[in-house]
Amino acid sequence: MSFISTLSLAELDVLRQIVRKVHLTYVPADFATDVECDKMIDTMAPETVDRMLRFGRQYCG
């Protein structure tokens, strides 16, 4: 079971927004799908995801 299933939809939306903006900036827009973002989020450590969520809540609204 992946830990991404423990995140709420709002948290997942914030993380996807950050991944698109930071990690998938230079890839074609049709490649930056929710599935690709989820794959990238799933490879990150939970501590990293926590930091990203804190950043996202503070700066992304």
PDB file of N, CA and C in Angstrom:
ATOM      1  N   MET A   1       0.846  -1.178   0.000  1.00  0.00           N
ATOM      2  CA  MET A   1       0.000   0.000   0.000  1.00  0.00           C
ATOM      3  C   MET A   1       0.892   1.242   0.000  1.00  0.00           C
ATOM      4  N   SER A   2       0.597   2.164  -0.852  1.00  0.00           N
ATOM      5  CA  SER A   2       1.392   3.384  -0.915  1.00  0.00           C
ATOM      6  C   SER A   2       0.875   4.387   0.108  1.00  0.00           C
ATOM      7  N   PHE A   3       1.778   5.213   0.594  1.00  0.00           N
ATOM      8  CA  PHE A   3       1.366   6.162   1.623  1.00  0.00           C
ATOM      9  C   PHE A   3       0.536   7.302   1.047  1.00  0.00           C
ATOM     10  N   ILE A   4       0.499   7.418  -0.266  1.00  0.00           N
ATOM     11  CA  ILE A   4      -0.281   8.486  -0.903  1.00  0.00           C
ATOM     12  C   ILE A   4      -1.774   8.307  -0.624  1.00  0.00           C
ATOM     13  N   SER A   5      -2.178   7.090  -0.340  1.00  0.00           N
ATOM     14  CA  SER A   5      -3.595   6.838  -0.054  1.00  0.00           C
ATOM     15  C   SER A   5      -4.004   7.362   1.320  1.00  0.00           C
ATOM     16  N   THR A   6      -3.030   7.727   2.161  1.00  0.00           N
ATOM     17  CA  THR A   6      -3.348   8.272   3.480  1.00  0.00           C
ATOM     18  C   THR A   6      -3.560   9.779   3.451  1.00  0.00           C
ATOM     19  N   LEU A   7      -3.282  10.416   2.312  1.00  0.00           N
ATOM     20  CA  LEU A   7      -3.425  11.869   2.194  1.00  0.00           C
ATOM     21  C   LEU A   7      -4.860  12.236   1.840  1.00  0.00           C
ATOM     22  N   SER A   8      -5.293  13.375   2.326  1.00  0.00           N
ATOM     23  CA  SER A   8      -6.623  13.857   1.951  1.00  0.00           C
ATOM     24  C   SER A   8      -6.566  14.428   0.534  1.00  0.00           C
ATOM     25  N   LEU A   9      -7.710  14.627  -0.063  1.00  0.00           N
ATOM     26  CA  LEU A   9      -7.765  15.157  -1.425  1.00  0.00           C
ATOM     27  C   LEU A   9      -7.185  16.570  -1.489  1.00  0.00           C
ATOM     28  N   ALA A  10      -7.447  17.379  -0.469  1.00  0.00           N
ATOM     29  CA  ALA A  10      -6.910  18.747  -0.440  1.00  0.00           C
ATOM     30  C   ALA A  10      -5.386  18.729  -0.360  1.00  0.00           C
ATOM     31  N   GLU A  11      -4.832  17.839   0.473  1.00  0.00           N
ATOM     32  CA  GLU A  11      -3.372  17.722   0.577  1.00  0.00           C
ATOM     33  C   GLU A  11      -2.775  17.248  -0.736  1.00  0.00           C
ATOM     34  N   LEU A  12      -3.423  16.295  -1.354  1.00  0.00           N
ATOM     35  CA  LEU A  12      -2.940  15.772  -2.623  1.00  0.00           C
ATOM     36  C   LEU A  12      -2.972  16.836  -3.715  1.00  0.00           C
ATOM     37  N   ASP A  13      -3.998  17.658  -3.733  1.00  0.00           N
ATOM     38  CA  ASP A  13      -4.075  18.745  -4.709  1.00  0.00           C
ATOM     39  C   ASP A  13      -2.939  19.743  -4.526  1.00  0.00           C
ATOM     40  N   VAL A  14      -2.625  20.078  -3.273  1.00  0.00           N
ATOM     41  CA  VAL A  14      -1.518  21.002  -2.999  1.00  0.00           C
ATOM     42  C   VAL A  14      -0.202  20.391  -3.458  1.00  0.00           C
ATOM     43  N   LEU A  15       0.014  19.124  -3.142  1.00  0.00           N
ATOM     44  CA  LEU A  15       1.252  18.456  -3.545  1.00  0.00           C
ATOM     45  C   LEU A  15       1.376  18.366  -5.061  1.00  0.00           C
ATOM     46  N   ARG A  16       0.284  18.057  -5.734  1.00  0.00           N
ATOM     47  CA  ARG A  16       0.320  18.002  -7.200  1.00  0.00           C
ATOM     48  C   ARG A  16       0.675  19.357  -7.789  1.00  0.00           C
ATOM     49  N   GLN A  17       0.130  20.412  -7.209  1.00  0.00           N
ATOM     50  CA  GLN A  17       0.425  21.768  -7.665  1.00  0.00           C
ATOM     51  C   GLN A  17       1.917  22.073  -7.521  1.00  0.00           C
ATOM     52  N   ILE A  18       2.495  21.701  -6.386  1.00  0.00           N
ATOM     53  CA  ILE A  18       3.918  21.939  -6.148  1.00  0.00           C
ATOM     54  C   ILE A  18       4.770  21.110  -7.095  1.00  0.00           C
ATOM     55  N   VAL A  19       4.425  19.844  -7.272  1.00  0.00           N
ATOM     56  CA  VAL A  19       5.206  18.979  -8.163  1.00  0.00           C
ATOM     57  C   VAL A  19       5.167  19.510  -9.590  1.00  0.00           C
ATOM     58  N   ARG A  20       4.017  19.938 -10.049  1.00  0.00           N
ATOM     59  CA  ARG A  20       3.928  20.498 -11.402  1.00  0.00           C
ATOM     60  C   ARG A  20       4.793  21.747 -11.542  1.00  0.00           C
ATOM     61  N   LYS A  21       4.764  22.590 -10.515  1.00  0.00           N
ATOM     62  CA  LYS A  21       5.480  23.865 -10.572  1.00  0.00           C
ATOM     63  C   LYS A  21       6.987  23.690 -10.424  1.00  0.00           C
ATOM     64  N   VAL A  22       7.420  22.762  -9.576  1.00  0.00           N
ATOM     65  CA  VAL A  22       8.842  22.622  -9.269  1.00  0.00           C
ATOM     66  C   VAL A  22       9.506  21.519 -10.083  1.00  0.00           C
ATOM     67  N   HIS A  23       8.936  20.333 -10.072  1.00  0.00           N
ATOM     68  CA  HIS A  23       9.607  19.174 -10.651  1.00  0.00           C
ATOM     69  C   HIS A  23       9.277  18.935 -12.123  1.00  0.00           C
ATOM     70  N   LEU A  24       8.102  19.329 -12.559  1.00  0.00           N
ATOM     71  CA  LEU A  24       7.696  19.049 -13.939  1.00  0.00           C
ATOM     72  C   LEU A  24       7.592  20.323 -14.776  1.00  0.00           C
ATOM     73  N   THR A  25       8.379  21.317 -14.435  1.00  0.00           N
ATOM     74  CA  THR A  25       8.336  22.598 -15.140  1.00  0.00           C
ATOM     75  C   THR A  25       8.724  22.459 -16.601  1.00  0.00           C
ATOM     76  N   TYR A  26       9.746  21.667 -16.869  1.00  0.00           N
ATOM     77  CA  TYR A  26      10.313  21.618 -18.215  1.00  0.00           C
ATOM     78  C   TYR A  26       9.864  20.413 -19.036  1.00  0.00           C
ATOM     79  N   VAL A  27       8.837  19.735 -18.593  1.00  0.00           N
ATOM     80  CA  VAL A  27       8.291  18.634 -19.386  1.00  0.00           C
ATOM     81  C   VAL A  27       7.025  19.123 -20.085  1.00  0.00           C
ATOM     82  N   PRO A  28       6.643  18.489 -21.169  1.00  0.00           N
ATOM     83  CA  PRO A  28       5.419  18.909 -21.866  1.00  0.00           C
ATOM     84  C   PRO A  28       4.192  18.825 -20.950  1.00  0.00           C
ATOM     85  N   ALA A  29       3.262  19.723 -21.166  1.00  0.00           N
ATOM     86  CA  ALA A  29       2.071  19.815 -20.312  1.00  0.00           C
ATOM     87  C   ALA A  29       1.241  18.534 -20.331  1.00  0.00           C
ATOM     88  N   ASP A  30       1.219  17.839 -21.460  1.00  0.00           N
ATOM     89  CA  ASP A  30       0.428  16.611 -21.522  1.00  0.00           C
ATOM     90  C   ASP A  30       1.066  15.466 -20.735  1.00  0.00           C
ATOM     91  N   PHE A  31       2.332  15.613 -20.350  1.00  0.00           N
ATOM     92  CA  PHE A  31       2.990  14.601 -19.527  1.00  0.00           C
ATOM     93  C   PHE A  31       2.756  14.851 -18.034  1.00  0.00           C
ATOM     94  N   ALA A  32       2.499  16.078 -17.655  1.00  0.00           N
ATOM     95  CA  ALA A  32       2.330  16.444 -16.245  1.00  0.00           C
ATOM     96  C   ALA A  32       0.907  16.148 -15.782  1.00  0.00           C
ATOM     97  N   THR A  33       0.520  14.904 -15.861  1.00  0.00           N
ATOM     98  CA  THR A  33      -0.824  14.492 -15.454  1.00  0.00           C
ATOM     99  C   THR A  33      -0.857  14.213 -13.951  1.00  0.00           C
ATOM    100  N   ASP A  34      -2.050  14.028 -13.423  1.00  0.00           N
ATOM    101  CA  ASP A  34      -2.192  13.683 -12.008  1.00  0.00           C
ATOM    102  C   ASP A  34      -1.487  12.367 -11.693  1.00  0.00           C
ATOM    103  N   VAL A  35      -1.557  11.420 -12.611  1.00  0.00           N
ATOM    104  CA  VAL A  35      -0.926  10.115 -12.398  1.00  0.00           C
ATOM    105  C   VAL A  35       0.588  10.268 -12.280  1.00  0.00           C
ATOM    106  N   GLU A  36       1.191  11.059 -13.158  1.00  0.00           N
ATOM    107  CA  GLU A  36       2.638  11.276 -13.103  1.00  0.00           C
ATOM    108  C   GLU A  36       3.028  12.021 -11.830  1.00  0.00           C
ATOM    109  N   CYS A  37       2.229  12.992 -11.435  1.00  0.00           N
ATOM    110  CA  CYS A  37       2.489  13.710 -10.178  1.00  0.00           C
ATOM    111  C   CYS A  37       2.398  12.753  -8.996  1.00  0.00           C
ATOM    112  N   ASP A  38       1.394  11.887  -9.008  1.00  0.00           N
ATOM    113  CA  ASP A  38       1.227  10.920  -7.924  1.00  0.00           C
ATOM    114  C   ASP A  38       2.411   9.962  -7.847  1.00  0.00           C
ATOM    115  N   LYS A  39       2.923   9.541  -8.996  1.00  0.00           N
ATOM    116  CA  LYS A  39       4.100   8.671  -9.009  1.00  0.00           C
ATOM    117  C   LYS A  39       5.286   9.364  -8.353  1.00  0.00           C
ATOM    118  N   MET A  40       5.487  10.624  -8.678  1.00  0.00           N
ATOM    119  CA  MET A  40       6.604  11.365  -8.116  1.00  0.00           C
ATOM    120  C   MET A  40       6.418  11.574  -6.612  1.00  0.00           C
ATOM    121  N   ILE A  41       5.209  11.909  -6.195  1.00  0.00           N
ATOM    122  CA  ILE A  41       4.926  12.107  -4.772  1.00  0.00           C
ATOM    123  C   ILE A  41       5.151  10.809  -4.009  1.00  0.00           C
ATOM    124  N   ASP A  42       4.775   9.698  -4.605  1.00  0.00           N
ATOM    125  CA  ASP A  42       4.896   8.398  -3.949  1.00  0.00           C
ATOM    126  C   ASP A  42       6.351   7.989  -3.741  1.00  0.00           C
ATOM    127  N   THR A  43       7.267   8.508  -4.545  1.00  0.00           N
ATOM    128  CA  THR A  43       8.679   8.157  -4.388  1.00  0.00           C
ATOM    129  C   THR A  43       9.369   8.985  -3.314  1.00  0.00           C
ATOM    130  N   MET A  44       8.723  10.040  -2.843  1.00  0.00           N
ATOM    131  CA  MET A  44       9.325  10.918  -1.838  1.00  0.00           C
ATOM    132  C   MET A  44       9.133  10.345  -0.439  1.00  0.00           C
ATOM    133  N   ALA A  45      10.049  10.713   0.435  1.00  0.00           N
ATOM    134  CA  ALA A  45       9.944  10.302   1.834  1.00  0.00           C
ATOM    135  C   ALA A  45       8.800  11.065   2.504  1.00  0.00           C
ATOM    136  N   PRO A  46       8.145  10.456   3.465  1.00  0.00           N
ATOM    137  CA  PRO A  46       7.044  11.140   4.157  1.00  0.00           C
ATOM    138  C   PRO A  46       7.464  12.471   4.795  1.00  0.00           C
ATOM    139  N   GLU A  47       8.706  12.559   5.271  1.00  0.00           N
ATOM    140  CA  GLU A  47       9.184  13.813   5.860  1.00  0.00           C
ATOM    141  C   GLU A  47       9.238  14.911   4.806  1.00  0.00           C
ATOM    142  N   THR A  48       9.657  14.558   3.610  1.00  0.00           N
ATOM    143  CA  THR A  48       9.713  15.525   2.516  1.00  0.00           C
ATOM    144  C   THR A  48       8.315  15.988   2.148  1.00  0.00           C
ATOM    145  N   VAL A  49       7.387  15.073   2.105  1.00  0.00           N
ATOM    146  CA  VAL A  49       6.002  15.419   1.786  1.00  0.00           C
ATOM    147  C   VAL A  49       5.426  16.345   2.856  1.00  0.00           C
ATOM    148  N   ASP A  50       5.760  16.088   4.122  1.00  0.00           N
ATOM    149  CA  ASP A  50       5.298  16.981   5.196  1.00  0.00           C
ATOM    150  C   ASP A  50       5.827  18.392   5.002  1.00  0.00           C
ATOM    151  N   ARG A  51       7.109  18.516   4.652  1.00  0.00           N
ATOM    152  CA  ARG A  51       7.684  19.843   4.409  1.00  0.00           C
ATOM    153  C   ARG A  51       7.019  20.519   3.219  1.00  0.00           C
ATOM    154  N   MET A  52       6.764  19.754   2.175  1.00  0.00           N
ATOM    155  CA  MET A  52       6.109  20.316   0.993  1.00  0.00           C
ATOM    156  C   MET A  52       4.699  20.796   1.332  1.00  0.00           C
ATOM    157  N   LEU A  53       3.988  20.042   2.155  1.00  0.00           N
ATOM    158  CA  LEU A  53       2.634  20.443   2.549  1.00  0.00           C
ATOM    159  C   LEU A  53       2.657  21.725   3.374  1.00  0.00           C
ATOM    160  N   ARG A  54       3.628  21.839   4.296  1.00  0.00           N
ATOM    161  CA  ARG A  54       3.735  23.074   5.077  1.00  0.00           C
ATOM    162  C   ARG A  54       4.019  24.259   4.170  1.00  0.00           C
ATOM    163  N   PHE A  55       4.920  24.067   3.209  1.00  0.00           N
ATOM    164  CA  PHE A  55       5.236  25.123   2.249  1.00  0.00           C
ATOM    165  C   PHE A  55       4.004  25.462   1.416  1.00  0.00           C
ATOM    166  N   GLY A  56       3.307  24.452   0.948  1.00  0.00           N
ATOM    167  CA  GLY A  56       2.129  24.664   0.117  1.00  0.00           C
ATOM    168  C   GLY A  56       1.020  25.392   0.836  1.00  0.00           C
ATOM    169  N   ARG A  57       0.806  25.057   2.092  1.00  0.00           N
ATOM    170  CA  ARG A  57      -0.231  25.746   2.866  1.00  0.00           C
ATOM    171  C   ARG A  57       0.127  27.207   3.090  1.00  0.00           C
ATOM    172  N   GLN A  58       1.430  27.459   3.247  1.00  0.00           N
ATOM    173  CA  GLN A  58       1.869  28.820   3.528  1.00  0.00           C
ATOM    174  C   GLN A  58       1.867  29.696   2.277  1.00  0.00           C
ATOM    175  N   TYR A  59       2.329  29.157   1.139  1.00  0.00           N
ATOM    176  CA  TYR A  59       2.532  29.977  -0.045  1.00  0.00           C
ATOM    177  C   TYR A  59       1.528  29.747  -1.171  1.00  0.00           C
ATOM    178  N   CYS A  60       0.906  28.585  -1.198  1.00  0.00           N
ATOM    179  CA  CYS A  60      -0.027  28.296  -2.292  1.00  0.00           C
ATOM    180  C   CYS A  60      -1.480  28.466  -1.861  1.00  0.00           C
ATOM    181  N   GLY A  61      -1.699  28.836  -0.669  1.00  0.00           N
ATOM    182  CA  GLY A  61      -3.061  29.093  -0.193  1.00  0.00           C
ATOM    183  C   GLY A  61      -3.697  27.874   0.249  1.00  0.00           C
TER     184      GLY A  61
END
